[in-house]
Amino acid sequence: MKPIEKICIHCYITGRVQGVWYRSSAQTKAQELNLTGWAKNLPDDRVEIMACGEADHVKKFVKWLWQGPMLASVTDVDGEQVTWEDYLKFEIL
């Protein structure tokens, strides 16, 4: 049996992503996918996200980041895989 690969992705999301429940919706989606990490607003109107978990789940989450909640309008998701970190949960900072 192949071991489950775990990864972390660090992303910056650009577009209409503040004031539209993006972080809260990302938290809900991350919890559905059993991911840990965090989401926070940045002063330049982007959202920054760290998400860690099973590789397949992280990939599904990144796909969702391009969509976001109904009121969001995402123009870019700039992300890279980073060193694994073990967070207890997914939280909004």
N, C-alpha and C. Protein backbone atom coordinates (compact mmCIF):
# COMPACT_ATOMS: atom_id res chain seq x y z
N MET A 1 0.84 -1.18 0.00
CA MET A 1 0.00 0.00 0.00
C MET A 1 0.89 1.25 0.00
N LYS A 2 0.57 2.18 -0.87
CA LYS A 2 1.35 3.41 -1.01
C LYS A 2 1.04 4.37 0.15
N PRO A 3 2.08 4.95 0.78
CA PRO A 3 1.82 5.90 1.88
C PRO A 3 1.13 7.16 1.36
N ILE A 4 0.33 7.77 2.20
CA ILE A 4 -0.38 8.99 1.84
C ILE A 4 0.59 10.16 1.86
N GLU A 5 0.67 10.86 0.74
CA GLU A 5 1.56 12.02 0.64
C GLU A 5 0.88 13.24 1.28
N LYS A 6 1.60 13.92 2.15
CA LYS A 6 1.09 15.14 2.77
C LYS A 6 1.93 16.32 2.31
N ILE A 7 1.24 17.42 1.97
CA ILE A 7 1.91 18.61 1.47
C ILE A 7 1.30 19.87 2.09
N CYS A 8 2.04 20.97 1.94
CA CYS A 8 1.53 22.29 2.31
C CYS A 8 1.65 23.20 1.09
N ILE A 9 0.66 24.07 0.93
CA ILE A 9 0.68 25.05 -0.15
C ILE A 9 0.49 26.44 0.47
N HIS A 10 1.30 27.38 0.01
CA HIS A 10 1.21 28.77 0.47
C HIS A 10 0.74 29.59 -0.72
N CYS A 11 -0.40 30.27 -0.59
CA CYS A 11 -1.03 30.97 -1.72
C CYS A 11 -1.36 32.42 -1.40
N TYR A 12 -1.33 33.22 -2.45
CA TYR A 12 -1.83 34.59 -2.43
C TYR A 12 -2.95 34.67 -3.45
N ILE A 13 -4.14 35.09 -3.00
CA ILE A 13 -5.30 35.14 -3.87
C ILE A 13 -5.62 36.61 -4.15
N THR A 14 -5.75 36.93 -5.43
CA THR A 14 -5.99 38.30 -5.88
C THR A 14 -7.37 38.40 -6.51
N GLY A 15 -7.95 39.58 -6.41
CA GLY A 15 -9.27 39.85 -7.00
C GLY A 15 -10.17 40.45 -5.95
N ARG A 16 -11.46 40.27 -6.13
CA ARG A 16 -12.42 40.73 -5.11
C ARG A 16 -12.55 39.60 -4.10
N VAL A 17 -11.66 39.61 -3.11
CA VAL A 17 -11.59 38.50 -2.15
C VAL A 17 -11.68 38.96 -0.69
N GLN A 18 -11.79 40.24 -0.47
CA GLN A 18 -12.01 40.74 0.90
C GLN A 18 -13.41 41.32 0.99
N GLY A 19 -14.05 41.08 2.12
CA GLY A 19 -15.40 41.58 2.33
C GLY A 19 -16.46 40.74 1.63
N VAL A 20 -16.09 39.52 1.20
CA VAL A 20 -17.04 38.65 0.49
C VAL A 20 -17.08 37.25 1.11
N TRP A 21 -16.64 37.14 2.36
CA TRP A 21 -16.63 35.88 3.10
C TRP A 21 -15.64 34.86 2.52
N TYR A 22 -14.58 35.34 1.88
CA TYR A 22 -13.61 34.43 1.27
C TYR A 22 -12.89 33.59 2.32
N ARG A 23 -12.37 34.23 3.36
CA ARG A 23 -11.63 33.49 4.39
C ARG A 23 -12.51 32.49 5.11
N SER A 24 -13.72 32.90 5.46
CA SER A 24 -14.64 32.02 6.16
C SER A 24 -15.03 30.82 5.29
N SER A 25 -15.29 31.09 4.02
CA SER A 25 -15.63 30.01 3.09
C SER A 25 -14.44 29.08 2.87
N ALA A 26 -13.23 29.66 2.81
CA ALA A 26 -12.02 28.84 2.67
C ALA A 26 -11.85 27.95 3.90
N GLN A 27 -12.13 28.49 5.07
CA GLN A 27 -12.03 27.70 6.30
C GLN A 27 -13.01 26.53 6.25
N THR A 28 -14.24 26.78 5.84
CA THR A 28 -15.24 25.72 5.74
C THR A 28 -14.80 24.64 4.76
N LYS A 29 -14.30 25.06 3.59
CA LYS A 29 -13.85 24.11 2.57
C LYS A 29 -12.65 23.31 3.09
N ALA A 30 -11.71 23.98 3.74
CA ALA A 30 -10.54 23.31 4.29
C ALA A 30 -10.96 22.26 5.32
N GLN A 31 -11.91 22.60 6.17
CA GLN A 31 -12.38 21.66 7.17
C GLN A 31 -13.06 20.45 6.52
N GLU A 32 -13.82 20.68 5.44
CA GLU A 32 -14.44 19.58 4.70
C GLU A 32 -13.38 18.62 4.16
N LEU A 33 -12.24 19.16 3.77
CA LEU A 33 -11.17 18.37 3.17
C LEU A 33 -10.12 17.91 4.20
N ASN A 34 -10.40 18.16 5.48
CA ASN A 34 -9.48 17.78 6.57
C ASN A 34 -8.11 18.42 6.43
N LEU A 35 -8.09 19.69 6.04
CA LEU A 35 -6.84 20.43 5.92
C LEU A 35 -6.64 21.30 7.15
N THR A 36 -5.40 21.62 7.43
CA THR A 36 -5.06 22.55 8.50
C THR A 36 -4.32 23.73 7.89
N GLY A 37 -4.18 24.80 8.65
CA GLY A 37 -3.47 25.97 8.17
C GLY A 37 -4.17 27.25 8.61
N TRP A 38 -4.14 28.25 7.73
CA TRP A 38 -4.71 29.55 8.10
C TRP A 38 -5.01 30.38 6.86
N ALA A 39 -5.82 31.43 7.08
CA ALA A 39 -6.14 32.40 6.04
C ALA A 39 -6.16 33.78 6.68
N LYS A 40 -5.62 34.77 5.97
CA LYS A 40 -5.65 36.13 6.50
C LYS A 40 -5.73 37.15 5.37
N ASN A 41 -6.34 38.29 5.68
CA ASN A 41 -6.39 39.41 4.75
C ASN A 41 -5.05 40.13 4.76
N LEU A 42 -4.66 40.66 3.62
CA LEU A 42 -3.45 41.47 3.50
C LEU A 42 -3.83 42.92 3.22
N PRO A 43 -2.97 43.87 3.58
CA PRO A 43 -3.29 45.29 3.37
C PRO A 43 -3.49 45.66 1.89
N ASP A 44 -2.95 44.87 0.97
CA ASP A 44 -3.09 45.18 -0.46
C ASP A 44 -4.33 44.53 -1.09
N ASP A 45 -5.29 44.12 -0.27
CA ASP A 45 -6.58 43.55 -0.69
C ASP A 45 -6.51 42.10 -1.16
N ARG A 46 -5.36 41.45 -1.01
CA ARG A 46 -5.27 40.02 -1.31
C ARG A 46 -5.57 39.23 -0.05
N VAL A 47 -5.75 37.92 -0.23
CA VAL A 47 -5.88 36.99 0.89
C VAL A 47 -4.69 36.04 0.80
N GLU A 48 -4.08 35.77 1.95
CA GLU A 48 -2.96 34.84 2.03
C GLU A 48 -3.44 33.58 2.74
N ILE A 49 -3.09 32.42 2.19
CA ILE A 49 -3.55 31.15 2.74
C ILE A 49 -2.41 30.15 2.81
N MET A 50 -2.36 29.43 3.92
CA MET A 50 -1.48 28.26 4.08
C MET A 50 -2.41 27.08 4.32
N ALA A 51 -2.26 26.03 3.52
CA ALA A 51 -3.11 24.85 3.69
C ALA A 51 -2.24 23.60 3.63
N CYS A 52 -2.45 22.69 4.59
CA CYS A 52 -1.65 21.48 4.70
C CYS A 52 -2.56 20.26 4.87
N GLY A 53 -2.16 19.17 4.23
CA GLY A 53 -2.92 17.94 4.36
C GLY A 53 -2.57 16.96 3.26
N GLU A 54 -3.45 15.99 3.04
CA GLU A 54 -3.23 15.00 1.99
C GLU A 54 -3.15 15.71 0.64
N ALA A 55 -2.19 15.31 -0.17
CA ALA A 55 -1.92 15.98 -1.44
C ALA A 55 -3.18 16.12 -2.31
N ASP A 56 -3.97 15.05 -2.43
CA ASP A 56 -5.17 15.11 -3.26
C ASP A 56 -6.16 16.15 -2.72
N HIS A 57 -6.26 16.25 -1.41
CA HIS A 57 -7.19 17.20 -0.79
C HIS A 57 -6.69 18.63 -0.99
N VAL A 58 -5.39 18.84 -0.87
CA VAL A 58 -4.82 20.17 -1.08
C VAL A 58 -5.05 20.61 -2.52
N LYS A 59 -4.89 19.70 -3.47
CA LYS A 59 -5.13 20.03 -4.88
C LYS A 59 -6.59 20.42 -5.12
N LYS A 60 -7.53 19.72 -4.49
CA LYS A 60 -8.94 20.08 -4.60
C LYS A 60 -9.18 21.46 -4.00
N PHE A 61 -8.52 21.75 -2.89
CA PHE A 61 -8.67 23.04 -2.23
C PHE A 61 -8.15 24.16 -3.13
N VAL A 62 -7.00 23.97 -3.75
CA VAL A 62 -6.44 24.99 -4.64
C VAL A 62 -7.40 25.25 -5.81
N LYS A 63 -8.00 24.20 -6.31
CA LYS A 63 -9.00 24.36 -7.38
C LYS A 63 -10.16 25.23 -6.88
N TRP A 64 -10.60 24.98 -5.64
CA TRP A 64 -11.69 25.78 -5.05
C TRP A 64 -11.25 27.24 -4.87
N LEU A 65 -9.98 27.48 -4.52
CA LEU A 65 -9.51 28.85 -4.31
C LEU A 65 -9.75 29.72 -5.54
N TRP A 66 -9.67 29.14 -6.73
CA TRP A 66 -9.92 29.89 -7.96
C TRP A 66 -11.38 30.32 -8.07
N GLN A 67 -12.27 29.58 -7.43
CA GLN A 67 -13.70 29.90 -7.47
C GLN A 67 -14.09 30.77 -6.28
N GLY A 68 -13.80 30.31 -5.10
CA GLY A 68 -14.17 31.03 -3.88
C GLY A 68 -15.67 31.05 -3.67
N PRO A 69 -16.13 31.87 -2.72
CA PRO A 69 -17.57 31.98 -2.46
C PRO A 69 -18.26 32.76 -3.58
N MET A 70 -19.58 32.75 -3.54
CA MET A 70 -20.39 33.33 -4.61
C MET A 70 -20.05 34.79 -4.92
N LEU A 71 -19.79 35.61 -3.93
CA LEU A 71 -19.56 37.04 -4.15
C LEU A 71 -18.12 37.37 -4.56
N ALA A 72 -17.24 36.40 -4.50
CA ALA A 72 -15.83 36.63 -4.85
C ALA A 72 -15.64 36.65 -6.36
N SER A 73 -14.58 37.35 -6.76
CA SER A 73 -14.17 37.35 -8.17
C SER A 73 -12.65 37.22 -8.17
N VAL A 74 -12.18 35.99 -8.30
CA VAL A 74 -10.75 35.69 -8.21
C VAL A 74 -10.09 35.92 -9.57
N THR A 75 -9.00 36.70 -9.56
CA THR A 75 -8.25 36.94 -10.80
C THR A 75 -6.93 36.19 -10.83
N ASP A 76 -6.41 35.79 -9.66
CA ASP A 76 -5.16 35.04 -9.65
C ASP A 76 -5.00 34.29 -8.33
N VAL A 77 -4.43 33.10 -8.42
CA VAL A 77 -4.01 32.32 -7.26
C VAL A 77 -2.54 31.99 -7.50
N ASP A 78 -1.68 32.65 -6.75
CA ASP A 78 -0.24 32.45 -6.87
C ASP A 78 0.19 31.59 -5.70
N GLY A 79 0.52 30.33 -5.96
CA GLY A 79 0.86 29.43 -4.87
C GLY A 79 2.08 28.60 -5.15
N GLU A 80 2.67 28.14 -4.07
CA GLU A 80 3.82 27.24 -4.19
C GLU A 80 3.80 26.24 -3.05
N GLN A 81 4.30 25.05 -3.34
CA GLN A 81 4.41 24.05 -2.29
C GLN A 81 5.56 24.43 -1.38
N VAL A 82 5.33 24.30 -0.08
CA VAL A 82 6.34 24.67 0.91
C VAL A 82 6.56 23.51 1.88
N THR A 83 7.54 23.66 2.75
CA THR A 83 7.88 22.65 3.74
C THR A 83 6.68 22.35 4.63
N TRP A 84 6.49 21.08 4.92
CA TRP A 84 5.36 20.64 5.75
C TRP A 84 5.40 21.30 7.12
N GLU A 85 4.24 21.78 7.56
CA GLU A 85 4.05 22.29 8.92
C GLU A 85 2.82 21.61 9.49
N ASP A 86 2.85 21.30 10.75
CA ASP A 86 1.75 20.59 11.39
C ASP A 86 0.91 21.57 12.21
N TYR A 87 -0.18 22.02 11.62
CA TYR A 87 -1.12 22.91 12.31
C TYR A 87 -2.21 22.06 12.97
N LEU A 88 -2.80 22.57 14.02
CA LEU A 88 -3.85 21.83 14.72
C LEU A 88 -5.18 21.91 14.00
N LYS A 89 -5.43 23.03 13.34
CA LYS A 89 -6.72 23.24 12.66
C LYS A 89 -6.52 24.28 11.58
N PHE A 90 -7.59 24.62 10.86
CA PHE A 90 -7.54 25.70 9.89
C PHE A 90 -8.21 26.90 10.54
N GLU A 91 -7.46 27.98 10.68
CA GLU A 91 -8.02 29.15 11.37
C GLU A 91 -7.89 30.42 10.55
N ILE A 92 -8.72 31.38 10.91
CA ILE A 92 -8.68 32.70 10.29
C ILE A 92 -7.85 33.60 11.20
N LEU A 93 -6.84 34.19 10.64
CA LEU A 93 -5.95 35.08 11.43
C LEU A 93 -6.37 36.53 11.27
